[in-house]
C-alpha atoms as a PDB file:
ATOM      1  CA  MET A   1       0.000   0.000   0.000  1.00  0.00           C
ATOM      2  CA  THR A   2       1.133   3.549  -0.736  1.00  0.00           C
ATOM      3  CA  GLN A   3       0.074   6.766   0.921  1.00  0.00           C
ATOM      4  CA  TYR A   4      -0.963   9.687  -1.258  1.00  0.00           C
ATOM      5  CA  ALA A   5      -1.640  13.301  -0.334  1.00  0.00           C
ATOM      6  CA  ILE A   6      -4.615  14.853  -2.129  1.00  0.00           C
ATOM      7  CA  TYR A   7      -4.566  18.598  -1.579  1.00  0.00           C
ATOM      8  CA  PHE A   8      -5.494  21.982  -2.933  1.00  0.00           C
ATOM      9  CA  ASN A   9      -4.320  25.554  -2.713  1.00  0.00           C
ATOM     10  CA  GLN A  10      -6.969  27.866  -1.328  1.00  0.00           C
ATOM     11  CA  GLN A  11      -6.784  30.056  -4.432  1.00  0.00           C
ATOM     12  CA  TRP A  12      -7.955  27.147  -6.620  1.00  0.00           C
ATOM     13  CA  VAL A  13     -11.348  27.269  -4.895  1.00  0.00           C
ATOM     14  CA  GLY A  14     -12.407  30.458  -6.654  1.00  0.00           C
ATOM     15  CA  ASP A  15     -14.838  33.139  -5.615  1.00  0.00           C
ATOM     16  CA  HIS A  16     -18.315  31.843  -4.850  1.00  0.00           C
ATOM     17  CA  PRO A  17     -21.225  33.023  -2.732  1.00  0.00           C
ATOM     18  CA  ALA A  18     -21.677  31.453   0.723  1.00  0.00           C
ATOM     19  CA  GLU A  19     -24.671  29.496  -0.580  1.00  0.00           C
ATOM     20  CA  TRP A  20     -22.459  27.732  -3.120  1.00  0.00           C
ATOM     21  CA  PHE A  21     -20.015  26.625  -0.422  1.00  0.00           C
ATOM     22  CA  GLN A  22     -22.914  25.245   1.611  1.00  0.00           C
ATOM     23  CA  THR A  23     -23.821  23.020  -1.355  1.00  0.00           C
ATOM     24  CA  ARG A  24     -20.291  21.523  -1.300  1.00  0.00           C
ATOM     25  CA  ALA A  25     -20.311  20.404   2.363  1.00  0.00           C
ATOM     26  CA  GLU A  26     -22.392  17.242   1.977  1.00  0.00           C
ATOM     27  CA  PRO A  27     -20.785  15.962  -1.257  1.00  0.00           C
ATOM     28  CA  SER A  28     -17.263  16.454   0.105  1.00  0.00           C
ATOM     29  CA  ASN A  29     -18.140  14.924   3.489  1.00  0.00           C
ATOM     30  CA  ALA A  30     -19.735  11.973   1.668  1.00  0.00           C
ATOM     31  CA  VAL A  31     -16.439  11.250  -0.112  1.00  0.00           C
ATOM     32  CA  VAL A  32     -14.593  11.264   3.219  1.00  0.00           C
ATOM     33  CA  ARG A  33     -17.181   8.867   4.666  1.00  0.00           C
ATOM     34  CA  ASP A  34     -16.752   6.612   1.620  1.00  0.00           C
ATOM     35  CA  MET A  35     -12.961   6.647   2.035  1.00  0.00           C
ATOM     36  CA  ASP A  36     -13.358   5.744   5.694  1.00  0.00           C
ATOM     37  CA  ALA A  37     -15.772   2.917   4.868  1.00  0.00           C
ATOM     38  CA  ALA A  38     -13.345   1.606   2.224  1.00  0.00           C
ATOM     39  CA  GLY A  39     -10.538   1.589   4.790  1.00  0.00           C
ATOM     40  CA  VAL A  40      -8.277   3.941   2.804  1.00  0.00           C
ATOM     41  CA  LEU A  41      -8.653   7.167   4.809  1.00  0.00           C
ATOM     42  CA  VAL A  42      -5.678   8.217   6.911  1.00  0.00           C
ATOM     43  CA  PHE A  43      -6.645  11.876   7.432  1.00  0.00           C
ATOM     44  CA  ALA A  44      -8.782  14.587   5.855  1.00  0.00           C
ATOM     45  CA  GLY A  45      -9.260  18.199   6.832  1.00  0.00           C
ATOM     46  CA  GLY A  46      -9.356  21.778   5.738  1.00  0.00           C
ATOM     47  CA  LEU A  47      -6.837  24.296   7.002  1.00  0.00           C
ATOM     48  CA  GLU A  48      -7.420  27.638   8.701  1.00  0.00           C
ATOM     49  CA  GLU A  49      -7.675  30.338   6.050  1.00  0.00           C
ATOM     50  CA  ASP A  50      -6.507  33.234   8.234  1.00  0.00           C
ATOM     51  CA  MET A  51      -2.766  33.421   7.632  1.00  0.00           C
ATOM     52  CA  ALA A  52      -2.480  35.595  10.755  1.00  0.00           C
ATOM     53  CA  ASP A  53      -2.908  32.325  12.686  1.00  0.00           C
ATOM     54  CA  ALA A  54      -0.031  30.644  10.825  1.00  0.00           C
ATOM     55  CA  PHE A  55       3.457  30.321  12.259  1.00  0.00           C
ATOM     56  CA  SER A  56       6.728  28.885  11.007  1.00  0.00           C
ATOM     57  CA  ALA A  57       9.548  26.887  12.541  1.00  0.00           C
ATOM     58  CA  ASP A  58      13.021  27.069  10.984  1.00  0.00           C
ATOM     59  CA  ALA A  59      16.135  25.277  12.217  1.00  0.00           C
ATOM     60  CA  THR A  60      18.402  25.892   9.200  1.00  0.00           C
ATOM     61  CA  SER A  61      20.592  28.322  11.174  1.00  0.00           C
ATOM     62  CA  GLY A  62      21.399  25.667  13.772  1.00  0.00           C
ATOM     63  CA  SER A  63      18.892  27.113  16.234  1.00  0.00           C
ATOM     64  CA  VAL A  64      15.149  26.726  16.121  1.00  0.00           C
ATOM     65  CA  VAL A  65      13.387  29.983  15.311  1.00  0.00           C
ATOM     66  CA  VAL A  66       9.606  30.078  15.550  1.00  0.00           C
ATOM     67  CA  SER A  67       7.962  33.118  14.009  1.00  0.00           C
ATOM     68  CA  ASP A  68       4.495  34.405  13.236  1.00  0.00           C
ATOM     69  CA  GLY A  69       3.081  34.014   9.761  1.00  0.00           C
ATOM     70  CA  PRO A  70       3.863  31.766   6.832  1.00  0.00           C
ATOM     71  CA  TYR A  71       7.481  30.782   6.158  1.00  0.00           C
ATOM     72  CA  ALA A  72       7.545  32.639   2.840  1.00  0.00           C
ATOM     73  CA  GLU A  73       5.389  35.381   1.425  1.00  0.00           C
ATOM     74  CA  THR A  74       3.233  33.753  -1.214  1.00  0.00           C
ATOM     75  CA  THR A  75       0.023  34.375  -3.079  1.00  0.00           C
ATOM     76  CA  GLU A  76      -0.999  30.719  -2.776  1.00  0.00           C
ATOM     77  CA  TYR A  77      -1.344  28.640   0.351  1.00  0.00           C
ATOM     78  CA  LEU A  78      -2.540  25.162   1.218  1.00  0.00           C
ATOM     79  CA  GLY A  79      -6.280  25.023   1.838  1.00  0.00           C
ATOM     80  CA  GLY A  80      -6.837  21.386   2.760  1.00  0.00           C
ATOM     81  CA  ILE A  81      -5.328  17.940   2.645  1.00  0.00           C
ATOM     82  CA  THR A  82      -6.512  14.351   2.527  1.00  0.00           C
ATOM     83  CA  VAL A  83      -4.157  11.416   3.040  1.00  0.00           C
ATOM     84  CA  ILE A  84      -5.133   8.006   1.718  1.00  0.00           C
ATOM     85  CA  ASP A  85      -3.431   4.611   1.813  1.00  0.00           C
ATOM     86  CA  VAL A  86      -4.247   2.665  -1.352  1.00  0.00           C
ATOM     87  CA  PRO A  87      -2.799  -0.254  -3.343  1.00  0.00           C
ATOM     88  CA  ASP A  88      -2.005   1.583  -6.581  1.00  0.00           C
ATOM     89  CA  VAL A  89      -1.941   4.872  -8.468  1.00  0.00           C
ATOM     90  CA  GLU A  90      -5.177   4.126 -10.317  1.00  0.00           C
ATOM     91  CA  THR A  91      -7.025   3.873  -7.005  1.00  0.00           C
ATOM     92  CA  ALA A  92      -5.408   7.141  -5.886  1.00  0.00           C
ATOM     93  CA  LYS A  93      -6.584   8.803  -9.105  1.00  0.00           C
ATOM     94  CA  MET A  94     -10.116   7.532  -8.546  1.00  0.00           C
ATOM     95  CA  TRP A  95     -10.253   8.955  -5.008  1.00  0.00           C
ATOM     96  CA  ALA A  96      -8.675  12.248  -6.120  1.00  0.00           C
ATOM     97  CA  GLY A  97     -11.388  12.558  -8.758  1.00  0.00           C
ATOM     98  CA  ARG A  98     -14.052  11.884  -6.149  1.00  0.00           C
ATOM     99  CA  VAL A  99     -12.568  14.564  -3.867  1.00  0.00           C
ATOM    100  CA  ALA A 100     -12.438  17.060  -6.759  1.00  0.00           C
ATOM    101  CA  GLU A 101     -16.086  16.342  -7.600  1.00  0.00           C
ATOM    102  CA  GLY A 102     -17.174  16.564  -3.979  1.00  0.00           C
ATOM    103  CA  CYS A 103     -15.372  19.825  -3.282  1.00  0.00           C
ATOM    104  CA  GLY A 104     -15.986  21.425  -6.645  1.00  0.00           C
ATOM    105  CA  TRP A 105     -12.405  22.556  -7.260  1.00  0.00           C
ATOM    106  CA  PRO A 106      -9.125  21.015  -8.509  1.00  0.00           C
ATOM    107  CA  GLN A 107      -6.929  18.735  -6.427  1.00  0.00           C
ATOM    108  CA  GLU A 108      -3.259  17.829  -6.724  1.00  0.00           C
ATOM    109  CA  VAL A 109      -1.940  14.388  -5.773  1.00  0.00           C
ATOM    110  CA  ARG A 110       1.518  13.328  -4.654  1.00  0.00           C
ATOM    111  CA  VAL A 111       3.014  10.162  -3.203  1.00  0.00           C
ATOM    112  CA  ILE A 112       4.089  10.416   0.422  1.00  0.00           C
ATOM    113  CA  LYS A 113       7.551   8.909   0.837  1.00  0.00           C
END
């Protein structure tokens, strides 16, 4: 079995009215329930959107420095992540497609090593 991260950048979501987002809750939660029932779900969750709540830890100088905010200034930031443990890439692609359909926005997939 191989673990895959299925994730999206918040900016990929697009601008939609609050009512639209409410229509995405049940379909996306249904996919997570299906993953859990299939025994492939490791973790799924959205991330806090307020970057003021983010902090960074950096030990590249030889000392650990923890600071407020994201590590690097960027226009894109991670919005959510799902980790699955599946037997092959085709199964990972199937679940990624289900997540994309449920959420209503694109997903990227990478193997966790």
